[in-house]
Amino acid sequence: MGNAVERWPAAVPPVAEVARLCAQRPVDPGGIRLARRLRNQIHAVEPFLGLVMPATEVRAWGEVKAALLSEG
């Protein structure tokens, strides 16, 4: 899992961009798929993010995950 976690931040949009996606509450199928995929990825890597990024960034991803899980 270590290598995947190290590569994950470079493979996803920046946390600020994901936060904007949350604020827009996507209704088109592509946006919904992206939100679900990101939510699932964050859930999988979140326990290990502290090993590859600062705590402030880990918290930001946790907040974004919560927004992706909310119903709006």
PDB file of N, CA and C in Angstrom:
ATOM      1  N   MET A   1       0.826  -1.197   0.000  1.00  0.00           N
ATOM      2  CA  MET A   1       0.000   0.000   0.000  1.00  0.00           C
ATOM      3  C   MET A   1       0.867   1.256   0.000  1.00  0.00           C
ATOM      4  N   GLY A   2       2.085   1.172   0.543  1.00  0.00           N
ATOM      5  CA  GLY A   2       2.947   2.342   0.677  1.00  0.00           C
ATOM      6  C   GLY A   2       3.192   3.079  -0.628  1.00  0.00           C
ATOM      7  N   ASN A   3       3.579   2.370  -1.689  1.00  0.00           N
ATOM      8  CA  ASN A   3       3.843   3.030  -2.970  1.00  0.00           C
ATOM      9  C   ASN A   3       2.594   3.674  -3.535  1.00  0.00           C
ATOM     10  N   ALA A   4       1.459   3.026  -3.393  1.00  0.00           N
ATOM     11  CA  ALA A   4       0.203   3.584  -3.897  1.00  0.00           C
ATOM     12  C   ALA A   4      -0.130   4.879  -3.170  1.00  0.00           C
ATOM     13  N   VAL A   5       0.078   4.911  -1.880  1.00  0.00           N
ATOM     14  CA  VAL A   5      -0.208   6.120  -1.097  1.00  0.00           C
ATOM     15  C   VAL A   5       0.743   7.237  -1.495  1.00  0.00           C
ATOM     16  N   GLU A   6       2.003   6.901  -1.730  1.00  0.00           N
ATOM     17  CA  GLU A   6       2.966   7.919  -2.142  1.00  0.00           C
ATOM     18  C   GLU A   6       2.602   8.519  -3.491  1.00  0.00           C
ATOM     19  N   ARG A   7       2.082   7.714  -4.395  1.00  0.00           N
ATOM     20  CA  ARG A   7       1.735   8.193  -5.744  1.00  0.00           C
ATOM     21  C   ARG A   7       0.368   8.875  -5.791  1.00  0.00           C
ATOM     22  N   TRP A   8      -0.509   8.572  -4.856  1.00  0.00           N
ATOM     23  CA  TRP A   8      -1.890   9.058  -4.905  1.00  0.00           C
ATOM     24  C   TRP A   8      -2.005  10.585  -4.988  1.00  0.00           C
ATOM     25  N   PRO A   9      -1.301  11.362  -4.147  1.00  0.00           N
ATOM     26  CA  PRO A   9      -1.479  12.825  -4.228  1.00  0.00           C
ATOM     27  C   PRO A   9      -1.170  13.414  -5.611  1.00  0.00           C
ATOM     28  N   ALA A  10      -0.245  12.808  -6.334  1.00  0.00           N
ATOM     29  CA  ALA A  10       0.099  13.309  -7.666  1.00  0.00           C
ATOM     30  C   ALA A  10      -0.907  12.864  -8.720  1.00  0.00           C
ATOM     31  N   ALA A  11      -1.704  11.855  -8.408  1.00  0.00           N
ATOM     32  CA  ALA A  11      -2.638  11.296  -9.386  1.00  0.00           C
ATOM     33  C   ALA A  11      -4.045  11.885  -9.294  1.00  0.00           C
ATOM     34  N   VAL A  12      -4.310  12.672  -8.258  1.00  0.00           N
ATOM     35  CA  VAL A  12      -5.651  13.245  -8.080  1.00  0.00           C
ATOM     36  C   VAL A  12      -5.580  14.760  -8.185  1.00  0.00           C
ATOM     37  N   PRO A  13      -6.727  15.392  -8.425  1.00  0.00           N
ATOM     38  CA  PRO A  13      -6.726  16.862  -8.450  1.00  0.00           C
ATOM     39  C   PRO A  13      -6.303  17.407  -7.081  1.00  0.00           C
ATOM     40  N   PRO A  14      -5.799  18.642  -7.036  1.00  0.00           N
ATOM     41  CA  PRO A  14      -5.445  19.249  -5.747  1.00  0.00           C
ATOM     42  C   PRO A  14      -6.667  19.326  -4.833  1.00  0.00           C
ATOM     43  N   VAL A  15      -6.429  19.305  -3.533  1.00  0.00           N
ATOM     44  CA  VAL A  15      -7.520  19.297  -2.560  1.00  0.00           C
ATOM     45  C   VAL A  15      -8.437  20.514  -2.743  1.00  0.00           C
ATOM     46  N   ALA A  16      -7.891  21.665  -3.113  1.00  0.00           N
ATOM     47  CA  ALA A  16      -8.723  22.858  -3.314  1.00  0.00           C
ATOM     48  C   ALA A  16      -9.692  22.654  -4.479  1.00  0.00           C
ATOM     49  N   GLU A  17      -9.238  21.997  -5.525  1.00  0.00           N
ATOM     50  CA  GLU A  17     -10.109  21.722  -6.676  1.00  0.00           C
ATOM     51  C   GLU A  17     -11.217  20.742  -6.298  1.00  0.00           C
ATOM     52  N   VAL A  18     -10.880  19.753  -5.493  1.00  0.00           N
ATOM     53  CA  VAL A  18     -11.884  18.794  -5.044  1.00  0.00           C
ATOM     54  C   VAL A  18     -12.902  19.488  -4.142  1.00  0.00           C
ATOM     55  N   ALA A  19     -12.442  20.423  -3.317  1.00  0.00           N
ATOM     56  CA  ALA A  19     -13.353  21.181  -2.458  1.00  0.00           C
ATOM     57  C   ALA A  19     -14.344  21.983  -3.303  1.00  0.00           C
ATOM     58  N   ARG A  20     -13.880  22.540  -4.425  1.00  0.00           N
ATOM     59  CA  ARG A  20     -14.797  23.267  -5.329  1.00  0.00           C
ATOM     60  C   ARG A  20     -15.822  22.315  -5.926  1.00  0.00           C
ATOM     61  N   LEU A  21     -15.418  21.103  -6.259  1.00  0.00           N
ATOM     62  CA  LEU A  21     -16.341  20.093  -6.768  1.00  0.00           C
ATOM     63  C   LEU A  21     -17.430  19.830  -5.724  1.00  0.00           C
ATOM     64  N   CYS A  22     -17.039  19.741  -4.464  1.00  0.00           N
ATOM     65  CA  CYS A  22     -18.011  19.517  -3.393  1.00  0.00           C
ATOM     66  C   CYS A  22     -19.008  20.664  -3.312  1.00  0.00           C
ATOM     67  N   ALA A  23     -18.504  21.878  -3.437  1.00  0.00           N
ATOM     68  CA  ALA A  23     -19.368  23.054  -3.339  1.00  0.00           C
ATOM     69  C   ALA A  23     -20.357  23.118  -4.497  1.00  0.00           C
ATOM     70  N   GLN A  24     -19.976  22.599  -5.662  1.00  0.00           N
ATOM     71  CA  GLN A  24     -20.847  22.635  -6.840  1.00  0.00           C
ATOM     72  C   GLN A  24     -21.924  21.563  -6.787  1.00  0.00           C
ATOM     73  N   ARG A  25     -21.745  20.540  -5.939  1.00  0.00           N
ATOM     74  CA  ARG A  25     -22.693  19.432  -5.860  1.00  0.00           C
ATOM     75  C   ARG A  25     -23.011  18.917  -7.257  1.00  0.00           C
ATOM     76  N   PRO A  26     -22.113  18.183  -7.865  1.00  0.00           N
ATOM     77  CA  PRO A  26     -22.283  17.751  -9.254  1.00  0.00           C
ATOM     78  C   PRO A  26     -23.571  16.961  -9.471  1.00  0.00           C
ATOM     79  N   VAL A  27     -24.225  17.269 -10.565  1.00  0.00           N
ATOM     80  CA  VAL A  27     -25.449  16.547 -10.893  1.00  0.00           C
ATOM     81  C   VAL A  27     -25.296  15.768 -12.193  1.00  0.00           C
ATOM     82  N   ASP A  28     -24.254  16.067 -12.949  1.00  0.00           N
ATOM     83  CA  ASP A  28     -24.051  15.301 -14.178  1.00  0.00           C
ATOM     84  C   ASP A  28     -23.372  13.972 -13.832  1.00  0.00           C
ATOM     85  N   PRO A  29     -23.598  12.950 -14.620  1.00  0.00           N
ATOM     86  CA  PRO A  29     -23.046  11.625 -14.306  1.00  0.00           C
ATOM     87  C   PRO A  29     -21.529  11.613 -14.133  1.00  0.00           C
ATOM     88  N   GLY A  30     -20.805  12.360 -14.954  1.00  0.00           N
ATOM     89  CA  GLY A  30     -19.345  12.388 -14.847  1.00  0.00           C
ATOM     90  C   GLY A  30     -18.890  12.983 -13.526  1.00  0.00           C
ATOM     91  N   GLY A  31     -19.525  14.048 -13.105  1.00  0.00           N
ATOM     92  CA  GLY A  31     -19.173  14.674 -11.829  1.00  0.00           C
ATOM     93  C   GLY A  31     -19.499  13.786 -10.649  1.00  0.00           C
ATOM     94  N   ILE A  32     -20.603  13.095 -10.722  1.00  0.00           N
ATOM     95  CA  ILE A  32     -20.984  12.181  -9.644  1.00  0.00           C
ATOM     96  C   ILE A  32     -19.999  11.023  -9.563  1.00  0.00           C
ATOM     97  N   ARG A  33     -19.623  10.473 -10.711  1.00  0.00           N
ATOM     98  CA  ARG A  33     -18.634   9.373 -10.715  1.00  0.00           C
ATOM     99  C   ARG A  33     -17.304   9.828 -10.130  1.00  0.00           C
ATOM    100  N   LEU A  34     -16.860  11.037 -10.510  1.00  0.00           N
ATOM    101  CA  LEU A  34     -15.606  11.568  -9.986  1.00  0.00           C
ATOM    102  C   LEU A  34     -15.691  11.733  -8.470  1.00  0.00           C
ATOM    103  N   ALA A  35     -16.789  12.298  -7.983  1.00  0.00           N
ATOM    104  CA  ALA A  35     -16.950  12.498  -6.545  1.00  0.00           C
ATOM    105  C   ALA A  35     -16.925  11.163  -5.805  1.00  0.00           C
ATOM    106  N   ARG A  36     -17.612  10.179  -6.318  1.00  0.00           N
ATOM    107  CA  ARG A  36     -17.626   8.857  -5.667  1.00  0.00           C
ATOM    108  C   ARG A  36     -16.253   8.203  -5.690  1.00  0.00           C
ATOM    109  N   ARG A  37     -15.572   8.306  -6.828  1.00  0.00           N
ATOM    110  CA  ARG A  37     -14.243   7.709  -6.946  1.00  0.00           C
ATOM    111  C   ARG A  37     -13.280   8.373  -5.959  1.00  0.00           C
ATOM    112  N   LEU A  38     -13.316   9.703  -5.873  1.00  0.00           N
ATOM    113  CA  LEU A  38     -12.439  10.413  -4.945  1.00  0.00           C
ATOM    114  C   LEU A  38     -12.774  10.055  -3.502  1.00  0.00           C
ATOM    115  N   ARG A  39     -14.055   9.998  -3.167  1.00  0.00           N
ATOM    116  CA  ARG A  39     -14.468   9.637  -1.816  1.00  0.00           C
ATOM    117  C   ARG A  39     -13.912   8.263  -1.447  1.00  0.00           C
ATOM    118  N   ASN A  40     -14.044   7.299  -2.346  1.00  0.00           N
ATOM    119  CA  ASN A  40     -13.556   5.949  -2.082  1.00  0.00           C
ATOM    120  C   ASN A  40     -12.034   5.909  -1.961  1.00  0.00           C
ATOM    121  N   GLN A  41     -11.351   6.675  -2.805  1.00  0.00           N
ATOM    122  CA  GLN A  41      -9.895   6.708  -2.740  1.00  0.00           C
ATOM    123  C   GLN A  41      -9.418   7.345  -1.441  1.00  0.00           C
ATOM    124  N   ILE A  42     -10.036   8.454  -1.062  1.00  0.00           N
ATOM    125  CA  ILE A  42      -9.653   9.118   0.187  1.00  0.00           C
ATOM    126  C   ILE A  42      -9.856   8.157   1.356  1.00  0.00           C
ATOM    127  N   HIS A  43     -10.982   7.471   1.358  1.00  0.00           N
ATOM    128  CA  HIS A  43     -11.270   6.517   2.432  1.00  0.00           C
ATOM    129  C   HIS A  43     -10.174   5.448   2.517  1.00  0.00           C
ATOM    130  N   ALA A  44      -9.701   4.983   1.385  1.00  0.00           N
ATOM    131  CA  ALA A  44      -8.694   3.919   1.361  1.00  0.00           C
ATOM    132  C   ALA A  44      -7.311   4.401   1.800  1.00  0.00           C
ATOM    133  N   VAL A  45      -6.922   5.608   1.411  1.00  0.00           N
ATOM    134  CA  VAL A  45      -5.557   6.066   1.705  1.00  0.00           C
ATOM    135  C   VAL A  45      -5.451   6.926   2.958  1.00  0.00           C
ATOM    136  N   GLU A  46      -6.564   7.412   3.463  1.00  0.00           N
ATOM    137  CA  GLU A  46      -6.541   8.355   4.582  1.00  0.00           C
ATOM    138  C   GLU A  46      -5.727   7.872   5.789  1.00  0.00           C
ATOM    139  N   PRO A  47      -5.817   6.610   6.193  1.00  0.00           N
ATOM    140  CA  PRO A  47      -5.027   6.185   7.363  1.00  0.00           C
ATOM    141  C   PRO A  47      -3.509   6.303   7.160  1.00  0.00           C
ATOM    142  N   PHE A  48      -3.069   6.390   5.921  1.00  0.00           N
ATOM    143  CA  PHE A  48      -1.638   6.405   5.620  1.00  0.00           C
ATOM    144  C   PHE A  48      -1.134   7.759   5.130  1.00  0.00           C
ATOM    145  N   LEU A  49      -2.017   8.722   4.922  1.00  0.00           N
ATOM    146  CA  LEU A  49      -1.605   9.997   4.349  1.00  0.00           C
ATOM    147  C   LEU A  49      -0.600  10.742   5.219  1.00  0.00           C
ATOM    148  N   GLY A  50      -0.684  10.571   6.521  1.00  0.00           N
ATOM    149  CA  GLY A  50       0.261  11.231   7.421  1.00  0.00           C
ATOM    150  C   GLY A  50       1.704  10.834   7.176  1.00  0.00           C
ATOM    151  N   LEU A  51       1.899   9.730   6.487  1.00  0.00           N
ATOM    152  CA  LEU A  51       3.256   9.284   6.168  1.00  0.00           C
ATOM    153  C   LEU A  51       3.840  10.007   4.965  1.00  0.00           C
ATOM    154  N   VAL A  52       2.974  10.626   4.139  1.00  0.00           N
ATOM    155  CA  VAL A  52       3.461  11.226   2.888  1.00  0.00           C
ATOM    156  C   VAL A  52       3.123  12.705   2.739  1.00  0.00           C
ATOM    157  N   MET A  53       2.403  13.288   3.726  1.00  0.00           N
ATOM    158  CA  MET A  53       2.068  14.712   3.619  1.00  0.00           C
ATOM    159  C   MET A  53       1.888  15.317   5.006  1.00  0.00           C
ATOM    160  N   PRO A  54       1.958  16.644   5.087  1.00  0.00           N
ATOM    161  CA  PRO A  54       1.796  17.321   6.378  1.00  0.00           C
ATOM    162  C   PRO A  54       0.390  17.121   6.951  1.00  0.00           C
ATOM    163  N   ALA A  55       0.293  17.221   8.273  1.00  0.00           N
ATOM    164  CA  ALA A  55      -0.975  17.013   8.969  1.00  0.00           C
ATOM    165  C   ALA A  55      -2.064  17.974   8.489  1.00  0.00           C
ATOM    166  N   THR A  56      -1.699  19.203   8.148  1.00  0.00           N
ATOM    167  CA  THR A  56      -2.709  20.159   7.686  1.00  0.00           C
ATOM    168  C   THR A  56      -3.355  19.689   6.388  1.00  0.00           C
ATOM    169  N   GLU A  57      -2.554  19.095   5.522  1.00  0.00           N
ATOM    170  CA  GLU A  57      -3.084  18.593   4.256  1.00  0.00           C
ATOM    171  C   GLU A  57      -3.932  17.343   4.478  1.00  0.00           C
ATOM    172  N   VAL A  58      -3.516  16.504   5.416  1.00  0.00           N
ATOM    173  CA  VAL A  58      -4.313  15.314   5.750  1.00  0.00           C
ATOM    174  C   VAL A  58      -5.682  15.750   6.259  1.00  0.00           C
ATOM    175  N   ARG A  59      -5.712  16.764   7.123  1.00  0.00           N
ATOM    176  CA  ARG A  59      -6.998  17.280   7.633  1.00  0.00           C
ATOM    177  C   ARG A  59      -7.855  17.823   6.499  1.00  0.00           C
ATOM    178  N   ALA A  60      -7.241  18.522   5.561  1.00  0.00           N
ATOM    179  CA  ALA A  60      -7.990  19.078   4.429  1.00  0.00           C
ATOM    180  C   ALA A  60      -8.649  17.956   3.627  1.00  0.00           C
ATOM    181  N   TRP A  61      -7.915  16.861   3.395  1.00  0.00           N
ATOM    182  CA  TRP A  61      -8.506  15.736   2.662  1.00  0.00           C
ATOM    183  C   TRP A  61      -9.632  15.100   3.467  1.00  0.00           C
ATOM    184  N   GLY A  62      -9.496  15.037   4.790  1.00  0.00           N
ATOM    185  CA  GLY A  62     -10.566  14.507   5.630  1.00  0.00           C
ATOM    186  C   GLY A  62     -11.816  15.351   5.538  1.00  0.00           C
ATOM    187  N   GLU A  63     -11.647  16.670   5.510  1.00  0.00           N
ATOM    188  CA  GLU A  63     -12.792  17.578   5.380  1.00  0.00           C
ATOM    189  C   GLU A  63     -13.461  17.409   4.019  1.00  0.00           C
ATOM    190  N   VAL A  64     -12.653  17.271   2.981  1.00  0.00           N
ATOM    191  CA  VAL A  64     -13.199  17.070   1.637  1.00  0.00           C
ATOM    192  C   VAL A  64     -13.971  15.754   1.581  1.00  0.00           C
ATOM    193  N   LYS A  65     -13.406  14.706   2.198  1.00  0.00           N
ATOM    194  CA  LYS A  65     -14.099  13.419   2.211  1.00  0.00           C
ATOM    195  C   LYS A  65     -15.461  13.556   2.881  1.00  0.00           C
ATOM    196  N   ALA A  66     -15.517  14.269   3.984  1.00  0.00           N
ATOM    197  CA  ALA A  66     -16.794  14.480   4.683  1.00  0.00           C
ATOM    198  C   ALA A  66     -17.787  15.197   3.766  1.00  0.00           C
ATOM    199  N   ALA A  67     -17.305  16.175   3.002  1.00  0.00           N
ATOM    200  CA  ALA A  67     -18.185  16.906   2.085  1.00  0.00           C
ATOM    201  C   ALA A  67     -18.656  16.002   0.949  1.00  0.00           C
ATOM    202  N   LEU A  68     -17.776  15.114   0.475  1.00  0.00           N
ATOM    203  CA  LEU A  68     -18.171  14.188  -0.597  1.00  0.00           C
ATOM    204  C   LEU A  68     -19.189  13.171  -0.090  1.00  0.00           C
ATOM    205  N   LEU A  69     -19.162  12.877   1.210  1.00  0.00           N
ATOM    206  CA  LEU A  69     -20.095  11.920   1.784  1.00  0.00           C
ATOM    207  C   LEU A  69     -21.440  12.550   2.118  1.00  0.00           C
ATOM    208  N   SER A  70     -21.477  13.872   2.223  1.00  0.00           N
ATOM    209  CA  SER A  70     -22.722  14.532   2.621  1.00  0.00           C
ATOM    210  C   SER A  70     -23.726  14.516   1.460  1.00  0.00           C
ATOM    211  N   GLU A  71     -24.938  14.618   1.813  1.00  0.00           N
ATOM    212  CA  GLU A  71     -26.015  14.603   0.816  1.00  0.00           C
ATOM    213  C   GLU A  71     -26.239  15.975   0.203  1.00  0.00           C
ATOM    214  N   GLY A  72     -25.583  16.992   0.705  1.00  0.00           N
ATOM    215  CA  GLY A  72     -25.713  18.315   0.119  1.00  0.00           C
ATOM    216  C   GLY A  72     -26.499  19.163   0.958  1.00  0.00           C
TER     217      GLY A  72
END
